[in-house]
PDB file of N, CA and C in Angstrom:
ATOM      1  N   MET A   1      -5.629 -10.995  18.645  1.00  0.00           N
ATOM      2  CA  MET A   1      -4.793 -10.845  17.462  1.00  0.00           C
ATOM      3  C   MET A   1      -3.900 -12.077  17.307  1.00  0.00           C
ATOM      4  N   VAL A   2      -3.734 -12.501  16.097  1.00  0.00           N
ATOM      5  CA  VAL A   2      -2.939 -13.683  15.790  1.00  0.00           C
ATOM      6  C   VAL A   2      -1.477 -13.285  15.626  1.00  0.00           C
ATOM      7  N   ASN A   3      -0.588 -14.058  16.234  1.00  0.00           N
ATOM      8  CA  ASN A   3       0.851 -13.815  16.118  1.00  0.00           C
ATOM      9  C   ASN A   3       1.394 -14.633  14.952  1.00  0.00           C
ATOM     10  N   ILE A   4       1.700 -13.952  13.845  1.00  0.00           N
ATOM     11  CA  ILE A   4       2.228 -14.619  12.656  1.00  0.00           C
ATOM     12  C   ILE A   4       3.745 -14.525  12.684  1.00  0.00           C
ATOM     13  N   LYS A   5       4.388 -15.678  12.543  1.00  0.00           N
ATOM     14  CA  LYS A   5       5.850 -15.758  12.597  1.00  0.00           C
ATOM     15  C   LYS A   5       6.409 -16.094  11.225  1.00  0.00           C
ATOM     16  N   LYS A   6       7.636 -15.632  10.979  1.00  0.00           N
ATOM     17  CA  LYS A   6       8.334 -15.937   9.720  1.00  0.00           C
ATOM     18  C   LYS A   6       9.142 -17.197   9.908  1.00  0.00           C
ATOM     19  N   GLY A   7       8.935 -18.159   9.030  1.00  0.00           N
ATOM     20  CA  GLY A   7       9.706 -19.395   9.043  1.00  0.00           C
ATOM     21  C   GLY A   7      10.591 -19.477   7.818  1.00  0.00           C
ATOM     22  N   SER A   8      10.974 -20.678   7.477  1.00  0.00           N
ATOM     23  CA  SER A   8      11.792 -20.921   6.298  1.00  0.00           C
ATOM     24  C   SER A   8      10.871 -21.073   5.087  1.00  0.00           C
ATOM     25  N   ASN A   9      10.770 -20.021   4.293  1.00  0.00           N
ATOM     26  CA  ASN A   9       9.870 -19.969   3.134  1.00  0.00           C
ATOM     27  C   ASN A   9       8.410 -20.186   3.522  1.00  0.00           C
ATOM     28  N   ASN A  10       8.033 -19.624   4.657  1.00  0.00           N
ATOM     29  CA  ASN A  10       6.636 -19.676   5.081  1.00  0.00           C
ATOM     30  C   ASN A  10       6.377 -18.633   6.158  1.00  0.00           C
ATOM     31  N   PHE A  11       5.110 -18.387   6.383  1.00  0.00           N
ATOM     32  CA  PHE A  11       4.643 -17.657   7.558  1.00  0.00           C
ATOM     33  C   PHE A  11       3.711 -18.618   8.271  1.00  0.00           C
ATOM     34  N   TYR A  12       3.749 -18.620   9.594  1.00  0.00           N
ATOM     35  CA  TYR A  12       2.945 -19.593  10.328  1.00  0.00           C
ATOM     36  C   TYR A  12       2.441 -19.023  11.644  1.00  0.00           C
ATOM     37  N   VAL A  13       1.425 -19.700  12.181  1.00  0.00           N
ATOM     38  CA  VAL A  13       0.856 -19.385  13.488  1.00  0.00           C
ATOM     39  C   VAL A  13       1.018 -20.631  14.340  1.00  0.00           C
ATOM     40  N   GLY A  14       1.516 -20.448  15.549  1.00  0.00           N
ATOM     41  CA  GLY A  14       1.710 -21.574  16.457  1.00  0.00           C
ATOM     42  C   GLY A  14       3.076 -21.516  17.101  1.00  0.00           C
ATOM     43  N   ASP A  15       3.334 -22.481  17.966  1.00  0.00           N
ATOM     44  CA  ASP A  15       4.603 -22.510  18.688  1.00  0.00           C
ATOM     45  C   ASP A  15       5.755 -23.036  17.848  1.00  0.00           C
ATOM     46  N   LYS A  16       5.451 -23.978  16.947  1.00  0.00           N
ATOM     47  CA  LYS A  16       6.506 -24.616  16.165  1.00  0.00           C
ATOM     48  C   LYS A  16       6.199 -24.540  14.677  1.00  0.00           C
ATOM     49  N   GLU A  17       7.216 -24.207  13.918  1.00  0.00           N
ATOM     50  CA  GLU A  17       7.080 -24.176  12.462  1.00  0.00           C
ATOM     51  C   GLU A  17       6.734 -25.566  11.913  1.00  0.00           C
ATOM     52  N   GLU A  18       7.242 -26.605  12.573  1.00  0.00           N
ATOM     53  CA  GLU A  18       7.019 -27.976  12.112  1.00  0.00           C
ATOM     54  C   GLU A  18       5.600 -28.482  12.406  1.00  0.00           C
ATOM     55  N   ASP A  19       4.902 -27.831  13.326  1.00  0.00           N
ATOM     56  CA  ASP A  19       3.553 -28.253  13.715  1.00  0.00           C
ATOM     57  C   ASP A  19       2.668 -27.016  13.916  1.00  0.00           C
ATOM     58  N   PRO A  20       2.411 -26.270  12.827  1.00  0.00           N
ATOM     59  CA  PRO A  20       1.693 -25.004  12.967  1.00  0.00           C
ATOM     60  C   PRO A  20       0.181 -25.172  13.085  1.00  0.00           C
ATOM     61  N   LEU A  21      -0.445 -24.154  13.640  1.00  0.00           N
ATOM     62  CA  LEU A  21      -1.906 -24.082  13.654  1.00  0.00           C
ATOM     63  C   LEU A  21      -2.418 -23.533  12.322  1.00  0.00           C
ATOM     64  N   ALA A  22      -1.560 -22.764  11.657  1.00  0.00           N
ATOM     65  CA  ALA A  22      -1.862 -22.228  10.332  1.00  0.00           C
ATOM     66  C   ALA A  22      -0.532 -21.920   9.650  1.00  0.00           C
ATOM     67  N   ILE A  23      -0.507 -22.069   8.324  1.00  0.00           N
ATOM     68  CA  ILE A  23       0.748 -21.833   7.603  1.00  0.00           C
ATOM     69  C   ILE A  23       0.460 -21.499   6.143  1.00  0.00           C
ATOM     70  N   ILE A  24       1.285 -20.640   5.584  1.00  0.00           N
ATOM     71  CA  ILE A  24       1.283 -20.389   4.148  1.00  0.00           C
ATOM     72  C   ILE A  24       2.706 -20.645   3.674  1.00  0.00           C
ATOM     73  N   LYS A  25       2.842 -21.530   2.692  1.00  0.00           N
ATOM     74  CA  LYS A  25       4.164 -21.928   2.200  1.00  0.00           C
ATOM     75  C   LYS A  25       4.405 -21.318   0.827  1.00  0.00           C
ATOM     76  N   PHE A  26       5.634 -20.863   0.630  1.00  0.00           N
ATOM     77  CA  PHE A  26       5.993 -20.267  -0.650  1.00  0.00           C
ATOM     78  C   PHE A  26       7.427 -20.626  -1.007  1.00  0.00           C
ATOM     79  N   SER A  27       7.757 -20.388  -2.265  1.00  0.00           N
ATOM     80  CA  SER A  27       9.120 -20.615  -2.735  1.00  0.00           C
ATOM     81  C   SER A  27       9.469 -19.489  -3.698  1.00  0.00           C
ATOM     82  N   TYR A  28      10.742 -19.387  -3.998  1.00  0.00           N
ATOM     83  CA  TYR A  28      11.204 -18.384  -4.946  1.00  0.00           C
ATOM     84  C   TYR A  28      11.486 -19.078  -6.267  1.00  0.00           C
ATOM     85  N   LYS A  29      10.684 -18.759  -7.289  1.00  0.00           N
ATOM     86  CA  LYS A  29      10.853 -19.384  -8.601  1.00  0.00           C
ATOM     87  C   LYS A  29      12.118 -18.863  -9.265  1.00  0.00           C
ATOM     88  N   VAL A  30      12.238 -17.579  -9.327  1.00  0.00           N
ATOM     89  CA  VAL A  30      13.447 -16.878  -9.758  1.00  0.00           C
ATOM     90  C   VAL A  30      13.606 -15.720  -8.796  1.00  0.00           C
ATOM     91  N   SER A  31      14.599 -14.925  -9.004  1.00  0.00           N
ATOM     92  CA  SER A  31      14.907 -13.887  -8.013  1.00  0.00           C
ATOM     93  C   SER A  31      13.780 -12.886  -7.775  1.00  0.00           C
ATOM     94  N   ASP A  32      12.884 -12.703  -8.736  1.00  0.00           N
ATOM     95  CA  ASP A  32      11.848 -11.686  -8.557  1.00  0.00           C
ATOM     96  C   ASP A  32      10.422 -12.242  -8.504  1.00  0.00           C
ATOM     97  N   ILE A  33      10.276 -13.565  -8.303  1.00  0.00           N
ATOM     98  CA  ILE A  33       8.941 -14.164  -8.255  1.00  0.00           C
ATOM     99  C   ILE A  33       8.808 -15.087  -7.041  1.00  0.00           C
ATOM    100  N   ILE A  34       7.730 -14.873  -6.283  1.00  0.00           N
ATOM    101  CA  ILE A  34       7.376 -15.738  -5.158  1.00  0.00           C
ATOM    102  C   ILE A  34       6.203 -16.611  -5.600  1.00  0.00           C
ATOM    103  N   VAL A  35       6.325 -17.914  -5.417  1.00  0.00           N
ATOM    104  CA  VAL A  35       5.245 -18.842  -5.741  1.00  0.00           C
ATOM    105  C   VAL A  35       4.610 -19.298  -4.428  1.00  0.00           C
ATOM    106  N   VAL A  36       3.327 -19.010  -4.254  1.00  0.00           N
ATOM    107  CA  VAL A  36       2.619 -19.466  -3.055  1.00  0.00           C
ATOM    108  C   VAL A  36       2.068 -20.857  -3.354  1.00  0.00           C
ATOM    109  N   ASP A  37       2.603 -21.841  -2.639  1.00  0.00           N
ATOM    110  CA  ASP A  37       2.293 -23.240  -2.913  1.00  0.00           C
ATOM    111  C   ASP A  37       1.069 -23.761  -2.169  1.00  0.00           C
ATOM    112  N   SER A  38       0.918 -23.391  -0.905  1.00  0.00           N
ATOM    113  CA  SER A  38      -0.196 -23.943  -0.129  1.00  0.00           C
ATOM    114  C   SER A  38      -0.501 -23.083   1.087  1.00  0.00           C
ATOM    115  N   THR A  39      -1.727 -23.247   1.558  1.00  0.00           N
ATOM    116  CA  THR A  39      -2.191 -22.575   2.769  1.00  0.00           C
ATOM    117  C   THR A  39      -2.959 -23.600   3.597  1.00  0.00           C
ATOM    118  N   PHE A  40      -2.726 -23.578   4.906  1.00  0.00           N
ATOM    119  CA  PHE A  40      -3.450 -24.460   5.821  1.00  0.00           C
ATOM    120  C   PHE A  40      -3.852 -23.654   7.043  1.00  0.00           C
ATOM    121  N   VAL A  41      -5.101 -23.828   7.471  1.00  0.00           N
ATOM    122  CA  VAL A  41      -5.590 -23.223   8.712  1.00  0.00           C
ATOM    123  C   VAL A  41      -6.323 -24.321   9.484  1.00  0.00           C
ATOM    124  N   SER A  42      -5.923 -24.527  10.731  1.00  0.00           N
ATOM    125  CA  SER A  42      -6.547 -25.560  11.565  1.00  0.00           C
ATOM    126  C   SER A  42      -7.999 -25.207  11.871  1.00  0.00           C
ATOM    127  N   ASP A  43      -8.754 -26.210  12.253  1.00  0.00           N
ATOM    128  CA  ASP A  43     -10.168 -26.010  12.578  1.00  0.00           C
ATOM    129  C   ASP A  43     -10.364 -24.955  13.662  1.00  0.00           C
ATOM    130  N   GLU A  44      -9.481 -24.933  14.652  1.00  0.00           N
ATOM    131  CA  GLU A  44      -9.668 -23.988  15.762  1.00  0.00           C
ATOM    132  C   GLU A  44      -9.466 -22.533  15.360  1.00  0.00           C
ATOM    133  N   LEU A  45      -8.778 -22.287  14.233  1.00  0.00           N
ATOM    134  CA  LEU A  45      -8.558 -20.914  13.778  1.00  0.00           C
ATOM    135  C   LEU A  45      -9.432 -20.525  12.586  1.00  0.00           C
ATOM    136  N   ARG A  46     -10.152 -21.470  12.028  1.00  0.00           N
ATOM    137  CA  ARG A  46     -10.995 -21.167  10.863  1.00  0.00           C
ATOM    138  C   ARG A  46     -12.083 -20.174  11.233  1.00  0.00           C
ATOM    139  N   GLY A  47     -12.426 -19.348  10.263  1.00  0.00           N
ATOM    140  CA  GLY A  47     -13.463 -18.342  10.468  1.00  0.00           C
ATOM    141  C   GLY A  47     -12.958 -17.079  11.135  1.00  0.00           C
ATOM    142  N   GLN A  48     -11.641 -16.962  11.327  1.00  0.00           N
ATOM    143  CA  GLN A  48     -11.053 -15.794  11.981  1.00  0.00           C
ATOM    144  C   GLN A  48     -10.181 -14.986  11.021  1.00  0.00           C
ATOM    145  N   ASN A  49     -10.309 -15.237   9.726  1.00  0.00           N
ATOM    146  CA  ASN A  49      -9.535 -14.545   8.686  1.00  0.00           C
ATOM    147  C   ASN A  49      -8.038 -14.789   8.766  1.00  0.00           C
ATOM    148  N   VAL A  50      -7.624 -15.863   9.404  1.00  0.00           N
ATOM    149  CA  VAL A  50      -6.199 -16.164   9.541  1.00  0.00           C
ATOM    150  C   VAL A  50      -5.570 -16.421   8.172  1.00  0.00           C
ATOM    151  N   GLY A  51      -6.282 -17.119   7.299  1.00  0.00           N
ATOM    152  CA  GLY A  51      -5.766 -17.362   5.951  1.00  0.00           C
ATOM    153  C   GLY A  51      -5.486 -16.066   5.216  1.00  0.00           C
ATOM    154  N   LYS A  52      -6.396 -15.124   5.315  1.00  0.00           N
ATOM    155  CA  LYS A  52      -6.208 -13.827   4.658  1.00  0.00           C
ATOM    156  C   LYS A  52      -5.066 -13.041   5.294  1.00  0.00           C
ATOM    157  N   LEU A  53      -4.900 -13.160   6.601  1.00  0.00           N
ATOM    158  CA  LEU A  53      -3.776 -12.493   7.267  1.00  0.00           C
ATOM    159  C   LEU A  53      -2.444 -13.076   6.805  1.00  0.00           C
ATOM    160  N   LEU A  54      -2.400 -14.385   6.606  1.00  0.00           N
ATOM    161  CA  LEU A  54      -1.181 -15.020   6.092  1.00  0.00           C
ATOM    162  C   LEU A  54      -0.883 -14.541   4.672  1.00  0.00           C
ATOM    163  N   ILE A  55      -1.924 -14.447   3.850  1.00  0.00           N
ATOM    164  CA  ILE A  55      -1.740 -13.930   2.492  1.00  0.00           C
ATOM    165  C   ILE A  55      -1.200 -12.509   2.540  1.00  0.00           C
ATOM    166  N   GLN A  56      -1.747 -11.688   3.424  1.00  0.00           N
ATOM    167  CA  GLN A  56      -1.290 -10.302   3.535  1.00  0.00           C
ATOM    168  C   GLN A  56       0.192 -10.235   3.874  1.00  0.00           C
ATOM    169  N   ARG A  57       0.674 -11.142   4.721  1.00  0.00           N
ATOM    170  CA  ARG A  57       2.108 -11.155   5.062  1.00  0.00           C
ATOM    171  C   ARG A  57       2.969 -11.454   3.842  1.00  0.00           C
ATOM    172  N   VAL A  58       2.516 -12.390   2.988  1.00  0.00           N
ATOM    173  CA  VAL A  58       3.272 -12.692   1.766  1.00  0.00           C
ATOM    174  C   VAL A  58       3.219 -11.503   0.806  1.00  0.00           C
ATOM    175  N   VAL A  59       2.073 -10.858   0.699  1.00  0.00           N
ATOM    176  CA  VAL A  59       1.946  -9.666  -0.144  1.00  0.00           C
ATOM    177  C   VAL A  59       2.882  -8.570   0.362  1.00  0.00           C
ATOM    178  N   ASP A  60       2.913  -8.355   1.673  1.00  0.00           N
ATOM    179  CA  ASP A  60       3.820  -7.356   2.249  1.00  0.00           C
ATOM    180  C   ASP A  60       5.273  -7.690   1.929  1.00  0.00           C
ATOM    181  N   LEU A  61       5.628  -8.967   2.042  1.00  0.00           N
ATOM    182  CA  LEU A  61       6.987  -9.408   1.721  1.00  0.00           C
ATOM    183  C   LEU A  61       7.310  -9.123   0.259  1.00  0.00           C
ATOM    184  N   ALA A  62       6.390  -9.443  -0.635  1.00  0.00           N
ATOM    185  CA  ALA A  62       6.601  -9.196  -2.064  1.00  0.00           C
ATOM    186  C   ALA A  62       6.803  -7.711  -2.336  1.00  0.00           C
ATOM    187  N   ARG A  63       6.014  -6.880  -1.704  1.00  0.00           N
ATOM    188  CA  ARG A  63       6.157  -5.430  -1.903  1.00  0.00           C
ATOM    189  C   ARG A  63       7.483  -4.925  -1.347  1.00  0.00           C
ATOM    190  N   GLU A  64       7.859  -5.400  -0.168  1.00  0.00           N
ATOM    191  CA  GLU A  64       9.131  -4.987   0.438  1.00  0.00           C
ATOM    192  C   GLU A  64      10.324  -5.387  -0.428  1.00  0.00           C
ATOM    193  N   GLU A  65      10.240  -6.561  -1.042  1.00  0.00           N
ATOM    194  CA  GLU A  65      11.353  -7.090  -1.836  1.00  0.00           C
ATOM    195  C   GLU A  65      11.190  -6.821  -3.329  1.00  0.00           C
ATOM    196  N   ASN A  66      10.156  -6.046  -3.694  1.00  0.00           N
ATOM    197  CA  ASN A  66       9.884  -5.700  -5.085  1.00  0.00           C
ATOM    198  C   ASN A  66       9.768  -6.951  -5.960  1.00  0.00           C
ATOM    199  N   LYS A  67       8.916  -7.881  -5.523  1.00  0.00           N
ATOM    200  CA  LYS A  67       8.717  -9.147  -6.226  1.00  0.00           C
ATOM    201  C   LYS A  67       7.250  -9.300  -6.631  1.00  0.00           C
ATOM    202  N   LYS A  68       6.994 -10.230  -7.521  1.00  0.00           N
ATOM    203  CA  LYS A  68       5.639 -10.578  -7.939  1.00  0.00           C
ATOM    204  C   LYS A  68       5.285 -11.942  -7.355  1.00  0.00           C
ATOM    205  N   ILE A  69       3.995 -12.251  -7.309  1.00  0.00           N
ATOM    206  CA  ILE A  69       3.510 -13.504  -6.727  1.00  0.00           C
ATOM    207  C   ILE A  69       2.745 -14.318  -7.768  1.00  0.00           C
ATOM    208  N   ILE A  70       3.053 -15.615  -7.814  1.00  0.00           N
ATOM    209  CA  ILE A  70       2.253 -16.572  -8.578  1.00  0.00           C
ATOM    210  C   ILE A  70       1.467 -17.390  -7.551  1.00  0.00           C
ATOM    211  N   PRO A  71       0.136 -17.261  -7.543  1.00  0.00           N
ATOM    212  CA  PRO A  71      -0.671 -17.994  -6.560  1.00  0.00           C
ATOM    213  C   PRO A  71      -1.054 -19.395  -7.049  1.00  0.00           C
ATOM    214  N   HIS A  72      -0.225 -20.388  -6.776  1.00  0.00           N
ATOM    215  CA  HIS A  72      -0.566 -21.770  -7.138  1.00  0.00           C
ATOM    216  C   HIS A  72      -1.653 -22.332  -6.229  1.00  0.00           C
ATOM    217  N   CYS A  73      -1.711 -21.874  -5.013  1.00  0.00           N
ATOM    218  CA  CYS A  73      -2.723 -22.314  -4.050  1.00  0.00           C
ATOM    219  C   CYS A  73      -4.092 -21.761  -4.474  1.00  0.00           C
ATOM    220  N   SER A  74      -5.099 -22.627  -4.538  1.00  0.00           N
ATOM    221  CA  SER A  74      -6.429 -22.204  -4.995  1.00  0.00           C
ATOM    222  C   SER A  74      -7.066 -21.164  -4.068  1.00  0.00           C
ATOM    223  N   PHE A  75      -6.825 -21.276  -2.769  1.00  0.00           N
ATOM    224  CA  PHE A  75      -7.367 -20.290  -1.829  1.00  0.00           C
ATOM    225  C   PHE A  75      -6.746 -18.919  -2.082  1.00  0.00           C
ATOM    226  N   VAL A  76      -5.439 -18.882  -2.252  1.00  0.00           N
ATOM    227  CA  VAL A  76      -4.745 -17.613  -2.505  1.00  0.00           C
ATOM    228  C   VAL A  76      -5.216 -17.024  -3.831  1.00  0.00           C
ATOM    229  N   LYS A  77      -5.352 -17.849  -4.849  1.00  0.00           N
ATOM    230  CA  LYS A  77      -5.825 -17.367  -6.146  1.00  0.00           C
ATOM    231  C   LYS A  77      -7.221 -16.762  -6.013  1.00  0.00           C
ATOM    232  N   ALA A  78      -8.102 -17.412  -5.278  1.00  0.00           N
ATOM    233  CA  ALA A  78      -9.463 -16.896  -5.086  1.00  0.00           C
ATOM    234  C   ALA A  78      -9.447 -15.549  -4.371  1.00  0.00           C
ATOM    235  N   VAL A  79      -8.611 -15.414  -3.356  1.00  0.00           N
ATOM    236  CA  VAL A  79      -8.507 -14.140  -2.633  1.00  0.00           C
ATOM    237  C   VAL A  79      -7.933 -13.062  -3.549  1.00  0.00           C
ATOM    238  N   PHE A  80      -6.901 -13.399  -4.317  1.00  0.00           N
ATOM    239  CA  PHE A  80      -6.314 -12.431  -5.251  1.00  0.00           C
ATOM    240  C   PHE A  80      -7.352 -11.970  -6.276  1.00  0.00           C
ATOM    241  N   ASP A  81      -8.159 -12.895  -6.774  1.00  0.00           N
ATOM    242  CA  ASP A  81      -9.175 -12.549  -7.771  1.00  0.00           C
ATOM    243  C   ASP A  81     -10.208 -11.570  -7.224  1.00  0.00           C
ATOM    244  N   LYS A  82     -10.430 -11.571  -5.914  1.00  0.00           N
ATOM    245  CA  LYS A  82     -11.432 -10.704  -5.286  1.00  0.00           C
ATOM    246  C   LYS A  82     -10.846  -9.431  -4.683  1.00  0.00           C
ATOM    247  N   THR A  83      -9.512  -9.316  -4.665  1.00  0.00           N
ATOM    248  CA  THR A  83      -8.877  -8.208  -3.948  1.00  0.00           C
ATOM    249  C   THR A  83      -8.078  -7.334  -4.908  1.00  0.00           C
ATOM    250  N   LYS A  84      -8.648  -6.211  -5.282  1.00  0.00           N
ATOM    251  CA  LYS A  84      -7.996  -5.293  -6.226  1.00  0.00           C
ATOM    252  C   LYS A  84      -6.681  -4.744  -5.679  1.00  0.00           C
ATOM    253  N   ASP A  85      -6.567  -4.626  -4.361  1.00  0.00           N
ATOM    254  CA  ASP A  85      -5.347  -4.083  -3.754  1.00  0.00           C
ATOM    255  C   ASP A  85      -4.123  -4.955  -4.001  1.00  0.00           C
ATOM    256  N   TYR A  86      -4.320  -6.185  -4.439  1.00  0.00           N
ATOM    257  CA  TYR A  86      -3.195  -7.092  -4.667  1.00  0.00           C
ATOM    258  C   TYR A  86      -2.746  -7.133  -6.126  1.00  0.00           C
ATOM    259  N   GLU A  87      -3.419  -6.379  -7.000  1.00  0.00           N
ATOM    260  CA  GLU A  87      -3.086  -6.420  -8.426  1.00  0.00           C
ATOM    261  C   GLU A  87      -1.631  -6.070  -8.708  1.00  0.00           C
ATOM    262  N   ASP A  88      -1.041  -5.212  -7.885  1.00  0.00           N
ATOM    263  CA  ASP A  88       0.341  -4.787  -8.130  1.00  0.00           C
ATOM    264  C   ASP A  88       1.366  -5.886  -7.898  1.00  0.00           C
ATOM    265  N   VAL A  89       0.999  -6.940  -7.180  1.00  0.00           N
ATOM    266  CA  VAL A  89       1.972  -8.002  -6.888  1.00  0.00           C
ATOM    267  C   VAL A  89       1.704  -9.299  -7.653  1.00  0.00           C
ATOM    268  N   VAL A  90       0.598  -9.375  -8.389  1.00  0.00           N
ATOM    269  CA  VAL A  90       0.279 -10.605  -9.121  1.00  0.00           C
ATOM    270  C   VAL A  90       1.132 -10.677 -10.379  1.00  0.00           C
ATOM    271  N   TYR A  91       1.782 -11.821 -10.562  1.00  0.00           N
ATOM    272  CA  TYR A  91       2.573 -12.054 -11.769  1.00  0.00           C
ATOM    273  C   TYR A  91       1.629 -12.448 -12.895  1.00  0.00           C
ATOM    274  N   ILE A  92       1.722 -11.725 -13.992  1.00  0.00           N
ATOM    275  CA  ILE A  92       0.838 -12.002 -15.140  1.00  0.00           C
ATOM    276  C   ILE A  92       1.645 -12.632 -16.259  1.00  0.00           C
TER     277      ILE A  92
END
């Protein structure tokens, strides 16, 4: 199991937020919208669904804080387009 940690406007995998093995970065556009800017997964973690696990953490955060998500990252947008369970958090 991958240990996902909360950083400063990101979730990451690894010992250091500054040098992660995987990371999803986001920002708050306004008080009720989270913008997912980018996702990175290192070669050693690819193929283990780490990117999707990072997305799930942001989705959980949005639901907990009653916010919507704008997926600027192409990977996140592709996952959102295929995942009906995320429709409640997508900003339209």
